[in-house]
Every structure is written in C-alpha cells, then in structure tokens.
Amino acid sequence: MHNPGNVLTEFNSFITLMDKVCEELGLKRLDYSTPEELFQAVLGRYSVKYLSNLDEMMGEDYLRDDLLGIMHRAVRARIEESRRSA
C-alpha cells in the first residue's frame, strides 16, 4: 500500500510539472475540465515523431485506467489523428 504522504507529494509534484509544461506551451491547466482534454492539448504541441518514440517506449504496459494510461491513450489518439489527416 502507498504511504499517503508520498502519494500527496507525488501528486503535487505532478501538478507542478504539468503547470510548468503548460506555461512553456502557452496553455493554462485550469482551462481544461478533464485530464483527457489537458493531455490532448499538450500532446498536440509535440511532433508525431516524438510521440511515436514515446509510444514505442511505453509499449502496451501503460494503457491502464490511471493517469498515465489516460496520457498514453492521448498519445496514440494524436498519432492516429495525424495519420488520418496525412
């Protein structure tokens, strides 16, 4: 079982990192109502080549129903969207 103090610390670190990434990309985290929307907006700013490399590194292990899984599904959706529009 997770130590509750560590979970809160890790969550706060994640939010701080997301705020930094959003700021660098000219986005505001609080403008998005779901993690899916936020990840789609963030990942839309990265090249498909970069996202394809990320997808390859993550393999099939990160497609669970957790925050990392939501992000990985957004990576794959962005790659697929790019292929359809090409």
Protein backbone atom coordinates (compact mmCIF):
# COMPACT_ATOMS: atom_id res chain seq x y z
CA MET A 1 0.00 0.00 0.00
CA HIS A 2 1.17 3.51 -0.75
CA ASN A 3 2.25 5.81 2.01
CA PRO A 4 -0.44 8.56 1.91
CA GLY A 5 2.19 11.25 2.42
CA ASN A 6 4.13 10.04 -0.61
CA VAL A 7 1.02 9.94 -2.79
CA LEU A 8 0.20 13.56 -1.98
CA THR A 9 3.81 14.59 -2.55
CA GLU A 10 3.90 12.78 -5.90
CA PHE A 11 0.57 14.32 -6.94
CA ASN A 12 1.76 17.81 -6.04
CA SER A 13 5.00 17.23 -7.97
CA PHE A 14 2.98 16.06 -10.99
CA ILE A 15 0.71 19.14 -10.86
CA THR A 16 3.73 21.43 -10.56
CA LEU A 17 5.31 19.73 -13.58
CA MET A 18 2.08 19.98 -15.59
CA ASP A 19 1.79 23.68 -14.75
CA LYS A 20 5.37 24.22 -15.93
CA VAL A 21 4.78 22.33 -19.20
CA CYS A 22 1.53 24.21 -19.81
CA GLU A 23 3.22 27.55 -19.16
CA GLU A 24 6.01 26.69 -21.62
CA LEU A 25 3.39 25.77 -24.23
CA GLY A 26 1.20 28.81 -23.61
CA LEU A 27 -1.62 26.76 -22.06
CA LYS A 28 -3.44 27.05 -18.74
CA ARG A 29 -4.07 23.77 -16.93
CA LEU A 30 -7.23 25.08 -15.28
CA ASP A 31 -8.80 25.79 -18.71
CA TYR A 32 -9.37 22.03 -19.12
CA SER A 33 -12.05 20.12 -17.27
CA THR A 34 -10.62 16.62 -17.68
CA PRO A 35 -7.16 15.07 -17.85
CA GLU A 36 -8.03 13.80 -21.33
CA GLU A 37 -8.62 17.34 -22.61
CA LEU A 38 -5.43 18.60 -21.00
CA PHE A 39 -3.29 15.78 -22.38
CA GLN A 40 -4.77 16.21 -25.86
CA ALA A 41 -3.95 19.92 -25.81
CA VAL A 42 -0.41 19.36 -24.52
CA LEU A 43 0.35 16.47 -26.86
CA GLY A 44 -1.00 18.43 -29.82
CA ARG A 45 2.06 20.65 -29.44
CA TYR A 46 4.57 17.82 -29.89
CA SER A 47 5.68 16.25 -33.16
CA VAL A 48 4.24 12.92 -34.21
CA LYS A 49 7.80 11.56 -34.42
CA TYR A 50 8.39 12.43 -30.77
CA LEU A 51 5.05 10.92 -29.76
CA SER A 52 5.72 7.77 -31.79
CA ASN A 53 9.01 7.30 -29.94
CA LEU A 54 7.22 7.82 -26.63
CA ASP A 55 4.51 5.32 -27.61
CA GLU A 56 7.15 2.77 -28.57
CA MET A 57 8.96 3.18 -25.23
CA MET A 58 5.72 2.80 -23.29
CA GLY A 59 4.63 -0.31 -25.19
CA GLU A 60 1.39 -1.88 -24.00
CA ASP A 61 2.24 -1.64 -20.30
CA TYR A 62 0.81 1.82 -19.70
CA LEU A 63 -2.71 1.60 -21.11
CA ARG A 64 -4.42 1.00 -17.77
CA ASP A 65 -7.21 3.18 -16.38
CA ASP A 66 -4.95 5.50 -14.46
CA LEU A 67 -3.48 8.92 -15.17
CA LEU A 68 -0.55 7.50 -17.10
CA GLY A 69 -2.93 5.35 -19.13
CA ILE A 70 -5.04 8.39 -20.00
CA MET A 71 -1.90 10.17 -21.20
CA HIS A 72 -0.74 7.17 -23.24
CA ARG A 73 -4.14 6.81 -24.91
CA ALA A 74 -3.94 10.54 -25.78
CA VAL A 75 -0.51 9.91 -27.35
CA ARG A 76 -1.95 7.15 -29.50
CA ALA A 77 -5.00 9.23 -30.42
CA ARG A 78 -2.73 12.10 -31.58
CA ILE A 79 -0.64 9.71 -33.67
CA GLU A 80 -3.76 8.20 -35.24
CA GLU A 81 -5.24 11.65 -35.92
CA SER A 82 -2.03 12.65 -37.70
CA ARG A 83 -2.10 9.52 -39.85
CA ARG A 84 -5.72 10.13 -40.87
CA SER A 85 -5.02 13.72 -41.87
CA ALA A 86 -1.89 12.86 -43.87
